[in-house]
Amino acid sequence: MLGGTLLYKTDHQVGVRLHGPSDSLLVVLETPIGAHPPHGTVTAVLSVYGVQDDEFAEVAARWQAWWRSVGVHEPLVTTG
């Protein structure tokens, strides 16, 4: 379960400020079937601000576990 504040929503994109121990922004983008046959795509970007390396590692591990639970075998996590 996620809790957050909806920041914006368009036909194919949504941005949510997530509630939690750190400031974070989740953006989910859908590419429709017509633009990317046969199934379309979904891209999610989670930006986390102001966290130490150990806290980031915990957040990354939690999200990687969630993605694996829904069938994505190698979710990409980067720092920058």
PDB file of N, CA and C in Angstrom:
ATOM      1  N   MET A   1       0.843  -1.181   0.000  1.00  0.00           N
ATOM      2  CA  MET A   1       0.000   0.000   0.000  1.00  0.00           C
ATOM      3  C   MET A   1       0.885   1.240   0.000  1.00  0.00           C
ATOM      4  N   LEU A   2       0.474   2.204  -0.781  1.00  0.00           N
ATOM      5  CA  LEU A   2       1.165   3.486  -0.846  1.00  0.00           C
ATOM      6  C   LEU A   2       0.193   4.577  -0.458  1.00  0.00           C
ATOM      7  N   GLY A   3       0.724   5.582   0.193  1.00  0.00           N
ATOM      8  CA  GLY A   3      -0.074   6.765   0.475  1.00  0.00           C
ATOM      9  C   GLY A   3       0.642   7.961  -0.092  1.00  0.00           C
ATOM     10  N   GLY A   4      -0.116   8.918  -0.607  1.00  0.00           N
ATOM     11  CA  GLY A   4       0.531  10.081  -1.171  1.00  0.00           C
ATOM     12  C   GLY A   4      -0.473  11.142  -1.561  1.00  0.00           C
ATOM     13  N   THR A   5       0.071  12.217  -2.097  1.00  0.00           N
ATOM     14  CA  THR A   5      -0.737  13.341  -2.559  1.00  0.00           C
ATOM     15  C   THR A   5      -0.595  13.431  -4.071  1.00  0.00           C
ATOM     16  N   LEU A   6      -1.718  13.383  -4.765  1.00  0.00           N
ATOM     17  CA  LEU A   6      -1.716  13.496  -6.210  1.00  0.00           C
ATOM     18  C   LEU A   6      -1.259  14.894  -6.603  1.00  0.00           C
ATOM     19  N   LEU A   7      -0.200  14.979  -7.402  1.00  0.00           N
ATOM     20  CA  LEU A   7       0.301  16.267  -7.866  1.00  0.00           C
ATOM     21  C   LEU A   7      -0.251  16.616  -9.234  1.00  0.00           C
ATOM     22  N   TYR A   8      -0.339  15.627 -10.114  1.00  0.00           N
ATOM     23  CA  TYR A   8      -0.910  15.855 -11.431  1.00  0.00           C
ATOM     24  C   TYR A   8      -1.326  14.534 -12.051  1.00  0.00           C
ATOM     25  N   LYS A   9      -2.216  14.634 -13.044  1.00  0.00           N
ATOM     26  CA  LYS A   9      -2.678  13.447 -13.764  1.00  0.00           C
ATOM     27  C   LYS A   9      -3.041  13.881 -15.170  1.00  0.00           C
ATOM     28  N   THR A  10      -2.524  13.140 -16.162  1.00  0.00           N
ATOM     29  CA  THR A  10      -2.905  13.348 -17.552  1.00  0.00           C
ATOM     30  C   THR A  10      -3.452  12.017 -18.070  1.00  0.00           C
ATOM     31  N   ASP A  11      -3.736  11.946 -19.360  1.00  0.00           N
ATOM     32  CA  ASP A  11      -4.271  10.703 -19.921  1.00  0.00           C
ATOM     33  C   ASP A  11      -3.309   9.524 -19.762  1.00  0.00           C
ATOM     34  N   HIS A  12      -2.001   9.798 -19.772  1.00  0.00           N
ATOM     35  CA  HIS A  12      -1.033   8.699 -19.756  1.00  0.00           C
ATOM     36  C   HIS A  12       0.050   8.851 -18.692  1.00  0.00           C
ATOM     37  N   GLN A  13      -0.119   9.786 -17.760  1.00  0.00           N
ATOM     38  CA  GLN A  13       0.913   9.991 -16.749  1.00  0.00           C
ATOM     39  C   GLN A  13       0.280  10.478 -15.449  1.00  0.00           C
ATOM     40  N   VAL A  14       0.889  10.057 -14.344  1.00  0.00           N
ATOM     41  CA  VAL A  14       0.435  10.510 -13.028  1.00  0.00           C
ATOM     42  C   VAL A  14       1.669  10.759 -12.163  1.00  0.00           C
ATOM     43  N   GLY A  15       1.617  11.820 -11.368  1.00  0.00           N
ATOM     44  CA  GLY A  15       2.697  12.142 -10.442  1.00  0.00           C
ATOM     45  C   GLY A  15       2.147  12.216  -9.028  1.00  0.00           C
ATOM     46  N   VAL A  16       2.814  11.532  -8.087  1.00  0.00           N
ATOM     47  CA  VAL A  16       2.340  11.456  -6.709  1.00  0.00           C
ATOM     48  C   VAL A  16       3.505  11.756  -5.766  1.00  0.00           C
ATOM     49  N   ARG A  17       3.299  12.655  -4.827  1.00  0.00           N
ATOM     50  CA  ARG A  17       4.268  12.860  -3.751  1.00  0.00           C
ATOM     51  C   ARG A  17       3.939  11.840  -2.684  1.00  0.00           C
ATOM     52  N   LEU A  18       4.866  10.928  -2.438  1.00  0.00           N
ATOM     53  CA  LEU A  18       4.614   9.837  -1.503  1.00  0.00           C
ATOM     54  C   LEU A  18       4.836  10.283  -0.066  1.00  0.00           C
ATOM     55  N   HIS A  19       3.979   9.788   0.820  1.00  0.00           N
ATOM     56  CA  HIS A  19       4.131  10.022   2.247  1.00  0.00           C
ATOM     57  C   HIS A  19       5.056   8.957   2.811  1.00  0.00           C
ATOM     58  N   GLY A  20       5.965   9.359   3.646  1.00  0.00           N
ATOM     59  CA  GLY A  20       6.891   8.402   4.235  1.00  0.00           C
ATOM     60  C   GLY A  20       8.019   9.118   4.936  1.00  0.00           C
ATOM     61  N   PRO A  21       9.043   8.366   5.301  1.00  0.00           N
ATOM     62  CA  PRO A  21      10.139   8.944   6.062  1.00  0.00           C
ATOM     63  C   PRO A  21      11.031   9.881   5.251  1.00  0.00           C
ATOM     64  N   SER A  22      10.923   9.867   3.917  1.00  0.00           N
ATOM     65  CA  SER A  22      11.741  10.743   3.078  1.00  0.00           C
ATOM     66  C   SER A  22      10.868  11.419   2.032  1.00  0.00           C
ATOM     67  N   ASP A  23      11.359  12.520   1.498  1.00  0.00           N
ATOM     68  CA  ASP A  23      10.649  13.176   0.404  1.00  0.00           C
ATOM     69  C   ASP A  23      10.846  12.356  -0.853  1.00  0.00           C
ATOM     70  N   SER A  24       9.760  12.015  -1.512  1.00  0.00           N
ATOM     71  CA  SER A  24       9.881  11.230  -2.740  1.00  0.00           C
ATOM     72  C   SER A  24       8.749  11.561  -3.697  1.00  0.00           C
ATOM     73  N   LEU A  25       9.043  11.386  -4.970  1.00  0.00           N
ATOM     74  CA  LEU A  25       8.097  11.644  -6.039  1.00  0.00           C
ATOM     75  C   LEU A  25       8.031  10.403  -6.916  1.00  0.00           C
ATOM     76  N   LEU A  26       6.823   9.892  -7.135  1.00  0.00           N
ATOM     77  CA  LEU A  26       6.601   8.746  -8.007  1.00  0.00           C
ATOM     78  C   LEU A  26       5.873   9.234  -9.248  1.00  0.00           C
ATOM     79  N   VAL A  27       6.472   8.972 -10.416  1.00  0.00           N
ATOM     80  CA  VAL A  27       5.852   9.306 -11.692  1.00  0.00           C
ATOM     81  C   VAL A  27       5.648   8.003 -12.450  1.00  0.00           C
ATOM     82  N   VAL A  28       4.422   7.761 -12.894  1.00  0.00           N
ATOM     83  CA  VAL A  28       4.094   6.551 -13.654  1.00  0.00           C
ATOM     84  C   VAL A  28       3.589   6.991 -15.026  1.00  0.00           C
ATOM     85  N   LEU A  29       4.205   6.432 -16.065  1.00  0.00           N
ATOM     86  CA  LEU A  29       3.888   6.764 -17.448  1.00  0.00           C
ATOM     87  C   LEU A  29       3.426   5.518 -18.177  1.00  0.00           C
ATOM     88  N   GLU A  30       2.275   5.613 -18.819  1.00  0.00           N
ATOM     89  CA  GLU A  30       1.747   4.511 -19.624  1.00  0.00           C
ATOM     90  C   GLU A  30       1.933   4.842 -21.098  1.00  0.00           C
ATOM     91  N   THR A  31       2.512   3.893 -21.843  1.00  0.00           N
ATOM     92  CA  THR A  31       2.551   4.001 -23.294  1.00  0.00           C
ATOM     93  C   THR A  31       1.482   3.051 -23.809  1.00  0.00           C
ATOM     94  N   PRO A  32       0.449   3.577 -24.472  1.00  0.00           N
ATOM     95  CA  PRO A  32      -0.685   2.738 -24.878  1.00  0.00           C
ATOM     96  C   PRO A  32      -0.298   1.660 -25.885  1.00  0.00           C
ATOM     97  N   ILE A  33      -1.142   0.658 -25.978  1.00  0.00           N
ATOM     98  CA  ILE A  33      -0.938  -0.471 -26.885  1.00  0.00           C
ATOM     99  C   ILE A  33      -0.716   0.014 -28.310  1.00  0.00           C
ATOM    100  N   GLY A  34      -1.476   1.002 -28.750  1.00  0.00           N
ATOM    101  CA  GLY A  34      -1.350   1.494 -30.125  1.00  0.00           C
ATOM    102  C   GLY A  34       0.009   2.096 -30.427  1.00  0.00           C
ATOM    103  N   ALA A  35       0.677   2.614 -29.417  1.00  0.00           N
ATOM    104  CA  ALA A  35       1.989   3.235 -29.618  1.00  0.00           C
ATOM    105  C   ALA A  35       3.140   2.256 -29.390  1.00  0.00           C
ATOM    106  N   HIS A  36       2.849   1.138 -28.722  1.00  0.00           N
ATOM    107  CA  HIS A  36       3.901   0.151 -28.439  1.00  0.00           C
ATOM    108  C   HIS A  36       3.272  -1.241 -28.388  1.00  0.00           C
ATOM    109  N   PRO A  37       2.889  -1.789 -29.576  1.00  0.00           N
ATOM    110  CA  PRO A  37       2.260  -3.105 -29.608  1.00  0.00           C
ATOM    111  C   PRO A  37       3.205  -4.192 -29.110  1.00  0.00           C
ATOM    112  N   PRO A  38       2.746  -5.314 -28.638  1.00  0.00           N
ATOM    113  CA  PRO A  38       1.344  -5.694 -28.563  1.00  0.00           C
ATOM    114  C   PRO A  38       0.682  -5.366 -27.229  1.00  0.00           C
ATOM    115  N   HIS A  39       1.434  -4.942 -26.204  1.00  0.00           N
ATOM    116  CA  HIS A  39       0.826  -4.778 -24.891  1.00  0.00           C
ATOM    117  C   HIS A  39       0.926  -3.370 -24.321  1.00  0.00           C
ATOM    118  N   GLY A  40       1.673  -2.474 -24.953  1.00  0.00           N
ATOM    119  CA  GLY A  40       1.955  -1.178 -24.357  1.00  0.00           C
ATOM    120  C   GLY A  40       3.037  -1.334 -23.296  1.00  0.00           C
ATOM    121  N   THR A  41       3.373  -0.258 -22.619  1.00  0.00           N
ATOM    122  CA  THR A  41       4.383  -0.324 -21.561  1.00  0.00           C
ATOM    123  C   THR A  41       3.973   0.563 -20.393  1.00  0.00           C
ATOM    124  N   VAL A  42       4.583   0.307 -19.275  1.00  0.00           N
ATOM    125  CA  VAL A  42       4.437   1.161 -18.102  1.00  0.00           C
ATOM    126  C   VAL A  42       5.840   1.432 -17.578  1.00  0.00           C
ATOM    127  N   THR A  43       6.124   2.702 -17.331  1.00  0.00           N
ATOM    128  CA  THR A  43       7.405   3.101 -16.762  1.00  0.00           C
ATOM    129  C   THR A  43       7.122   3.833 -15.461  1.00  0.00           C
ATOM    130  N   ALA A  44       7.870   3.486 -14.427  1.00  0.00           N
ATOM    131  CA  ALA A  44       7.733   4.164 -13.138  1.00  0.00           C
ATOM    132  C   ALA A  44       9.089   4.721 -12.736  1.00  0.00           C
ATOM    133  N   VAL A  45       9.078   5.971 -12.309  1.00  0.00           N
ATOM    134  CA  VAL A  45      10.304   6.621 -11.844  1.00  0.00           C
ATOM    135  C   VAL A  45      10.046   7.110 -10.431  1.00  0.00           C
ATOM    136  N   LEU A  46      10.884   6.669  -9.513  1.00  0.00           N
ATOM    137  CA  LEU A  46      10.796   7.101  -8.124  1.00  0.00           C
ATOM    138  C   LEU A  46      12.021   7.945  -7.824  1.00  0.00           C
ATOM    139  N   SER A  47      11.799   9.190  -7.458  1.00  0.00           N
ATOM    140  CA  SER A  47      12.885  10.083  -7.062  1.00  0.00           C
ATOM    141  C   SER A  47      12.814  10.276  -5.556  1.00  0.00           C
ATOM    142  N   VAL A  48      13.958  10.069  -4.896  1.00  0.00           N
ATOM    143  CA  VAL A  48      14.040  10.180  -3.440  1.00  0.00           C
ATOM    144  C   VAL A  48      15.053  11.280  -3.126  1.00  0.00           C
ATOM    145  N   TYR A  49      14.671  12.177  -2.201  1.00  0.00           N
ATOM    146  CA  TYR A  49      15.503  13.334  -1.897  1.00  0.00           C
ATOM    147  C   TYR A  49      15.953  13.335  -0.446  1.00  0.00           C
ATOM    148  N   GLY A  50      17.188  13.776  -0.221  1.00  0.00           N
ATOM    149  CA  GLY A  50      17.666  14.042   1.125  1.00  0.00           C
ATOM    150  C   GLY A  50      17.837  12.825   2.009  1.00  0.00           C
ATOM    151  N   VAL A  51      18.255  11.703   1.447  1.00  0.00           N
ATOM    152  CA  VAL A  51      18.450  10.500   2.258  1.00  0.00           C
ATOM    153  C   VAL A  51      19.919  10.096   2.236  1.00  0.00           C
ATOM    154  N   GLN A  52      20.339   9.454   3.294  1.00  0.00           N
ATOM    155  CA  GLN A  52      21.690   8.909   3.378  1.00  0.00           C
ATOM    156  C   GLN A  52      21.757   7.620   2.553  1.00  0.00           C
ATOM    157  N   ASP A  53      22.979   7.171   2.270  1.00  0.00           N
ATOM    158  CA  ASP A  53      23.166   5.988   1.435  1.00  0.00           C
ATOM    159  C   ASP A  53      22.466   4.750   1.989  1.00  0.00           C
ATOM    160  N   ASP A  54      22.524   4.549   3.311  1.00  0.00           N
ATOM    161  CA  ASP A  54      21.894   3.356   3.885  1.00  0.00           C
ATOM    162  C   ASP A  54      20.379   3.410   3.767  1.00  0.00           C
ATOM    163  N   GLU A  55      19.790   4.595   3.922  1.00  0.00           N
ATOM    164  CA  GLU A  55      18.342   4.731   3.764  1.00  0.00           C
ATOM    165  C   GLU A  55      17.943   4.540   2.306  1.00  0.00           C
ATOM    166  N   PHE A  56      18.753   5.067   1.371  1.00  0.00           N
ATOM    167  CA  PHE A  56      18.470   4.857  -0.044  1.00  0.00           C
ATOM    168  C   PHE A  56      18.517   3.378  -0.384  1.00  0.00           C
ATOM    169  N   ALA A  57      19.503   2.659   0.156  1.00  0.00           N
ATOM    170  CA  ALA A  57      19.610   1.217  -0.105  1.00  0.00           C
ATOM    171  C   ALA A  57      18.361   0.481   0.380  1.00  0.00           C
ATOM    172  N   GLU A  58      17.821   0.901   1.519  1.00  0.00           N
ATOM    173  CA  GLU A  58      16.603   0.286   2.042  1.00  0.00           C
ATOM    174  C   GLU A  58      15.404   0.563   1.128  1.00  0.00           C
ATOM    175  N   VAL A  59      15.266   1.814   0.693  1.00  0.00           N
ATOM    176  CA  VAL A  59      14.179   2.175  -0.225  1.00  0.00           C
ATOM    177  C   VAL A  59      14.316   1.397  -1.530  1.00  0.00           C
ATOM    178  N   ALA A  60      15.535   1.337  -2.086  1.00  0.00           N
ATOM    179  CA  ALA A  60      15.768   0.625  -3.339  1.00  0.00           C
ATOM    180  C   ALA A  60      15.436  -0.854  -3.205  1.00  0.00           C
ATOM    181  N   ALA A  61      15.842  -1.463  -2.099  1.00  0.00           N
ATOM    182  CA  ALA A  61      15.561  -2.891  -1.893  1.00  0.00           C
ATOM    183  C   ALA A  61      14.061  -3.143  -1.803  1.00  0.00           C
ATOM    184  N   ARG A  62      13.336  -2.253  -1.147  1.00  0.00           N
ATOM    185  CA  ARG A  62      11.881  -2.408  -1.018  1.00  0.00           C
ATOM    186  C   ARG A  62      11.208  -2.325  -2.387  1.00  0.00           C
ATOM    187  N   TRP A  63      11.617  -1.344  -3.215  1.00  0.00           N
ATOM    188  CA  TRP A  63      11.018  -1.198  -4.541  1.00  0.00           C
ATOM    189  C   TRP A  63      11.425  -2.332  -5.467  1.00  0.00           C
ATOM    190  N   GLN A  64      12.675  -2.771  -5.400  1.00  0.00           N
ATOM    191  CA  GLN A  64      13.093  -3.904  -6.226  1.00  0.00           C
ATOM    192  C   GLN A  64      12.290  -5.154  -5.877  1.00  0.00           C
ATOM    193  N   ALA A  65      12.044  -5.377  -4.605  1.00  0.00           N
ATOM    194  CA  ALA A  65      11.243  -6.533  -4.178  1.00  0.00           C
ATOM    195  C   ALA A  65       9.822  -6.426  -4.718  1.00  0.00           C
ATOM    196  N   TRP A  66       9.254  -5.222  -4.688  1.00  0.00           N
ATOM    197  CA  TRP A  66       7.888  -5.043  -5.208  1.00  0.00           C
ATOM    198  C   TRP A  66       7.859  -5.331  -6.699  1.00  0.00           C
ATOM    199  N   TRP A  67       8.809  -4.764  -7.469  1.00  0.00           N
ATOM    200  CA  TRP A  67       8.824  -5.002  -8.913  1.00  0.00           C
ATOM    201  C   TRP A  67       8.989  -6.481  -9.221  1.00  0.00           C
ATOM    202  N   ARG A  68       9.858  -7.171  -8.494  1.00  0.00           N
ATOM    203  CA  ARG A  68      10.027  -8.607  -8.722  1.00  0.00           C
ATOM    204  C   ARG A  68       8.739  -9.366  -8.423  1.00  0.00           C
ATOM    205  N   SER A  69       7.995  -8.915  -7.417  1.00  0.00           N
ATOM    206  CA  SER A  69       6.746  -9.595  -7.056  1.00  0.00           C
ATOM    207  C   SER A  69       5.694  -9.488  -8.151  1.00  0.00           C
ATOM    208  N   VAL A  70       5.822  -8.472  -9.026  1.00  0.00           N
ATOM    209  CA  VAL A  70       4.866  -8.323 -10.126  1.00  0.00           C
ATOM    210  C   VAL A  70       5.451  -8.762 -11.464  1.00  0.00           C
ATOM    211  N   GLY A  71       6.631  -9.445 -11.408  1.00  0.00           N
ATOM    212  CA  GLY A  71       7.151 -10.081 -12.608  1.00  0.00           C
ATOM    213  C   GLY A  71       8.271  -9.364 -13.334  1.00  0.00           C
ATOM    214  N   VAL A  72       8.768  -8.247 -12.800  1.00  0.00           N
ATOM    215  CA  VAL A  72       9.924  -7.576 -13.418  1.00  0.00           C
ATOM    216  C   VAL A  72      11.167  -8.141 -12.753  1.00  0.00           C
ATOM    217  N   HIS A  73      11.989  -8.839 -13.507  1.00  0.00           N
ATOM    218  CA  HIS A  73      13.098  -9.587 -12.901  1.00  0.00           C
ATOM    219  C   HIS A  73      14.282  -8.717 -12.539  1.00  0.00           C
ATOM    220  N   GLU A  74      14.586  -7.688 -13.288  1.00  0.00           N
ATOM    221  CA  GLU A  74      15.747  -6.843 -12.999  1.00  0.00           C
ATOM    222  C   GLU A  74      15.365  -5.359 -13.043  1.00  0.00           C
ATOM    223  N   PRO A  75      14.658  -4.875 -12.026  1.00  0.00           N
ATOM    224  CA  PRO A  75      14.327  -3.450 -12.018  1.00  0.00           C
ATOM    225  C   PRO A  75      15.594  -2.628 -11.889  1.00  0.00           C
ATOM    226  N   LEU A  76      15.652  -1.501 -12.571  1.00  0.00           N
ATOM    227  CA  LEU A  76      16.826  -0.642 -12.588  1.00  0.00           C
ATOM    228  C   LEU A  76      16.760   0.359 -11.435  1.00  0.00           C
ATOM    229  N   VAL A  77      17.821   0.417 -10.646  1.00  0.00           N
ATOM    230  CA  VAL A  77      17.939   1.389  -9.565  1.00  0.00           C
ATOM    231  C   VAL A  77      19.258   2.116  -9.752  1.00  0.00           C
ATOM    232  N   THR A  78      19.200   3.454  -9.805  1.00  0.00           N
ATOM    233  CA  THR A  78      20.412   4.240  -9.981  1.00  0.00           C
ATOM    234  C   THR A  78      20.458   5.377  -8.982  1.00  0.00           C
ATOM    235  N   THR A  79      21.637   5.878  -8.760  1.00  0.00           N
ATOM    236  CA  THR A  79      21.818   7.075  -7.955  1.00  0.00           C
ATOM    237  C   THR A  79      22.411   8.140  -8.863  1.00  0.00           C
ATOM    238  N   GLY A  80      22.194   9.369  -8.487  1.00  0.00           N
ATOM    239  CA  GLY A  80      22.759  10.387  -9.363  1.00  0.00           C
ATOM    240  C   GLY A  80      22.686  11.751  -8.830  1.00  0.00           C
TER     241      GLY A  80
END
